[in-house]
Amino acid sequence: MLKLCRQYLHWIQNSVFEGEITEVKLKELLLRARRLMDEDKDSVIIFKSRSESWLDKEVVGNERNSLDNFL
């Protein structure tokens, strides 16, 4: 799953990714993720924002990947 998500988003830390992605690419990512996961045990959680002005990101500690936006 790590390799798959890295193809679409920026890896932040253990199982956390962020970035901008189109709806088409998101659907593609989710389709491919469903093939890898056991939907009875595993999950993918997606946070969406309609506007950059609604984002407020605060990092405490070492930020592994400095990005202004997240999804």
N, C-alpha and C. Protein backbone atom coordinates (compact mmCIF):
# COMPACT_ATOMS: atom_id res chain seq x y z
N MET A 1 0.83 -1.18 0.00
CA MET A 1 0.00 0.00 0.00
C MET A 1 0.88 1.25 0.00
N LEU A 2 2.00 1.20 0.72
CA LEU A 2 2.93 2.33 0.75
C LEU A 2 3.39 2.69 -0.66
N LYS A 3 3.81 1.70 -1.41
CA LYS A 3 4.28 1.96 -2.78
C LYS A 3 3.17 2.54 -3.65
N LEU A 4 1.96 2.04 -3.49
CA LEU A 4 0.83 2.54 -4.26
C LEU A 4 0.54 4.01 -3.92
N CYS A 5 0.41 4.31 -2.65
CA CYS A 5 0.08 5.68 -2.24
C CYS A 5 1.17 6.67 -2.62
N ARG A 6 2.41 6.23 -2.57
CA ARG A 6 3.52 7.12 -2.96
C ARG A 6 3.46 7.51 -4.44
N GLN A 7 2.77 6.73 -5.25
CA GLN A 7 2.63 7.07 -6.67
C GLN A 7 1.67 8.25 -6.87
N TYR A 8 0.84 8.54 -5.88
CA TYR A 8 -0.19 9.57 -6.02
C TYR A 8 -0.01 10.75 -5.06
N LEU A 9 0.58 10.49 -3.89
CA LEU A 9 0.64 11.50 -2.83
C LEU A 9 2.03 11.54 -2.21
N HIS A 10 2.24 12.48 -1.31
CA HIS A 10 3.51 12.62 -0.59
C HIS A 10 3.41 11.90 0.75
N TRP A 11 4.39 11.04 1.03
CA TRP A 11 4.41 10.30 2.28
C TRP A 11 4.82 11.24 3.40
N ILE A 12 4.06 11.24 4.50
CA ILE A 12 4.34 12.10 5.63
C ILE A 12 4.94 11.30 6.78
N GLN A 13 4.24 10.27 7.21
CA GLN A 13 4.72 9.37 8.26
C GLN A 13 3.89 8.10 8.18
N ASN A 14 4.15 7.16 9.04
CA ASN A 14 3.48 5.86 9.03
C ASN A 14 2.04 5.93 8.55
N SER A 15 1.81 5.45 7.36
CA SER A 15 0.46 5.36 6.77
C SER A 15 -0.26 6.69 6.64
N VAL A 16 0.47 7.78 6.56
CA VAL A 16 -0.13 9.11 6.38
C VAL A 16 0.47 9.74 5.12
N PHE A 17 -0.42 10.18 4.23
CA PHE A 17 -0.02 10.79 2.98
C PHE A 17 -0.79 12.09 2.80
N GLU A 18 -0.22 13.04 2.06
CA GLU A 18 -0.93 14.28 1.78
C GLU A 18 -0.59 14.76 0.39
N GLY A 19 -1.43 15.60 -0.14
CA GLY A 19 -1.17 16.18 -1.45
C GLY A 19 -2.46 16.51 -2.16
N GLU A 20 -2.31 17.13 -3.29
CA GLU A 20 -3.45 17.45 -4.14
C GLU A 20 -3.60 16.34 -5.17
N ILE A 21 -4.85 15.96 -5.41
CA ILE A 21 -5.12 14.86 -6.33
C ILE A 21 -6.46 15.14 -7.02
N THR A 22 -6.51 14.86 -8.30
CA THR A 22 -7.77 15.08 -9.02
C THR A 22 -8.77 13.98 -8.65
N GLU A 23 -10.03 14.22 -8.93
CA GLU A 23 -11.06 13.23 -8.65
C GLU A 23 -10.80 11.94 -9.42
N VAL A 24 -10.35 12.06 -10.65
CA VAL A 24 -10.06 10.87 -11.47
C VAL A 24 -8.93 10.06 -10.86
N LYS A 25 -7.86 10.74 -10.46
CA LYS A 25 -6.72 10.04 -9.85
C LYS A 25 -7.11 9.44 -8.50
N LEU A 26 -7.96 10.13 -7.75
CA LEU A 26 -8.42 9.60 -6.47
C LEU A 26 -9.22 8.32 -6.68
N LYS A 27 -10.10 8.32 -7.66
CA LYS A 27 -10.88 7.11 -7.95
C LYS A 27 -9.96 5.96 -8.37
N GLU A 28 -8.95 6.28 -9.16
CA GLU A 28 -7.98 5.27 -9.60
C GLU A 28 -7.22 4.72 -8.39
N LEU A 29 -6.77 5.60 -7.51
CA LEU A 29 -6.05 5.18 -6.32
C LEU A 29 -6.92 4.27 -5.45
N LEU A 30 -8.18 4.66 -5.24
CA LEU A 30 -9.07 3.86 -4.41
C LEU A 30 -9.37 2.50 -5.03
N LEU A 31 -9.52 2.45 -6.33
CA LEU A 31 -9.75 1.18 -7.02
C LEU A 31 -8.57 0.25 -6.82
N ARG A 32 -7.37 0.79 -6.99
CA ARG A 32 -6.17 -0.02 -6.82
C ARG A 32 -5.97 -0.42 -5.36
N ALA A 33 -6.32 0.46 -4.43
CA ALA A 33 -6.19 0.16 -3.00
C ALA A 33 -7.13 -0.96 -2.60
N ARG A 34 -8.34 -0.93 -3.12
CA ARG A 34 -9.33 -1.99 -2.79
C ARG A 34 -8.84 -3.37 -3.21
N ARG A 35 -8.05 -3.41 -4.27
CA ARG A 35 -7.51 -4.70 -4.73
C ARG A 35 -6.47 -5.24 -3.75
N LEU A 36 -5.79 -4.35 -3.03
CA LEU A 36 -4.73 -4.76 -2.12
C LEU A 36 -5.22 -5.05 -0.71
N MET A 37 -6.30 -4.40 -0.31
CA MET A 37 -6.72 -4.46 1.09
C MET A 37 -7.82 -5.47 1.35
N ASP A 38 -7.94 -5.86 2.60
CA ASP A 38 -9.05 -6.67 3.07
C ASP A 38 -10.04 -5.69 3.68
N GLU A 39 -11.13 -5.39 2.97
CA GLU A 39 -12.06 -4.35 3.40
C GLU A 39 -12.76 -4.66 4.72
N ASP A 40 -12.69 -5.91 5.17
CA ASP A 40 -13.25 -6.26 6.48
C ASP A 40 -12.31 -5.87 7.62
N LYS A 41 -11.03 -5.70 7.31
CA LYS A 41 -10.04 -5.41 8.35
C LYS A 41 -9.32 -4.08 8.14
N ASP A 42 -9.12 -3.68 6.90
CA ASP A 42 -8.33 -2.49 6.57
C ASP A 42 -9.23 -1.33 6.20
N SER A 43 -8.67 -0.14 6.22
CA SER A 43 -9.44 1.04 5.82
C SER A 43 -8.54 2.11 5.23
N VAL A 44 -9.14 2.97 4.45
CA VAL A 44 -8.49 4.16 3.91
C VAL A 44 -9.39 5.32 4.31
N ILE A 45 -8.80 6.34 4.92
CA ILE A 45 -9.56 7.51 5.34
C ILE A 45 -9.08 8.70 4.53
N ILE A 46 -10.01 9.42 3.94
CA ILE A 46 -9.68 10.55 3.06
C ILE A 46 -10.27 11.82 3.65
N PHE A 47 -9.43 12.83 3.80
CA PHE A 47 -9.87 14.15 4.24
C PHE A 47 -9.82 15.06 3.03
N LYS A 48 -10.93 15.71 2.71
CA LYS A 48 -11.00 16.61 1.56
C LYS A 48 -11.22 18.03 2.02
N SER A 49 -10.71 18.96 1.23
CA SER A 49 -10.93 20.38 1.47
C SER A 49 -11.31 21.03 0.16
N ARG A 50 -12.32 21.86 0.20
CA ARG A 50 -12.76 22.53 -1.03
C ARG A 50 -11.92 23.76 -1.35
N SER A 51 -11.25 24.29 -0.35
CA SER A 51 -10.51 25.53 -0.55
C SER A 51 -9.26 25.54 0.33
N GLU A 52 -8.18 26.12 -0.19
CA GLU A 52 -6.95 26.24 0.57
C GLU A 52 -7.15 27.08 1.82
N SER A 53 -8.07 28.03 1.77
CA SER A 53 -8.29 28.91 2.91
C SER A 53 -8.90 28.18 4.11
N TRP A 54 -9.43 26.98 3.90
CA TRP A 54 -10.01 26.21 4.99
C TRP A 54 -8.97 25.33 5.68
N LEU A 55 -7.77 25.29 5.17
CA LEU A 55 -6.73 24.44 5.73
C LEU A 55 -5.93 25.18 6.79
N ASP A 56 -5.70 24.53 7.89
CA ASP A 56 -4.85 25.06 8.94
C ASP A 56 -4.02 23.90 9.46
N LYS A 57 -2.75 23.90 9.13
CA LYS A 57 -1.89 22.77 9.47
C LYS A 57 -0.85 23.22 10.48
N GLU A 58 -0.75 22.50 11.56
CA GLU A 58 0.26 22.76 12.58
C GLU A 58 1.03 21.48 12.82
N VAL A 59 2.35 21.56 12.76
CA VAL A 59 3.20 20.39 12.98
C VAL A 59 3.99 20.61 14.26
N VAL A 60 3.93 19.65 15.15
CA VAL A 60 4.73 19.68 16.37
C VAL A 60 5.77 18.58 16.23
N GLY A 61 7.02 18.93 16.36
CA GLY A 61 8.09 17.95 16.16
C GLY A 61 8.65 18.04 14.76
N ASN A 62 9.26 16.99 14.31
CA ASN A 62 9.96 16.94 13.02
C ASN A 62 8.98 16.70 11.88
N GLU A 63 8.85 17.68 11.00
CA GLU A 63 8.01 17.50 9.81
C GLU A 63 8.84 16.82 8.74
N ARG A 64 8.42 15.64 8.33
CA ARG A 64 9.19 14.86 7.37
C ARG A 64 9.10 15.38 5.95
N ASN A 65 8.02 16.06 5.63
CA ASN A 65 7.82 16.56 4.27
C ASN A 65 7.12 17.90 4.38
N SER A 66 7.79 18.97 4.07
CA SER A 66 7.20 20.30 4.25
C SER A 66 6.37 20.68 3.03
N LEU A 67 5.05 20.57 3.18
CA LEU A 67 4.10 20.97 2.15
C LEU A 67 3.13 21.97 2.76
N ASP A 68 2.59 22.85 1.94
CA ASP A 68 1.65 23.83 2.43
C ASP A 68 0.23 23.29 2.48
N ASN A 69 -0.10 22.33 1.62
CA ASN A 69 -1.46 21.82 1.51
C ASN A 69 -1.50 20.36 1.90
N PHE A 70 -2.68 19.89 2.27
CA PHE A 70 -2.85 18.46 2.48
C PHE A 70 -4.24 18.05 2.09
N LEU A 71 -4.37 16.78 1.83
CA LEU A 71 -5.67 16.20 1.44
C LEU A 71 -5.86 14.94 2.23
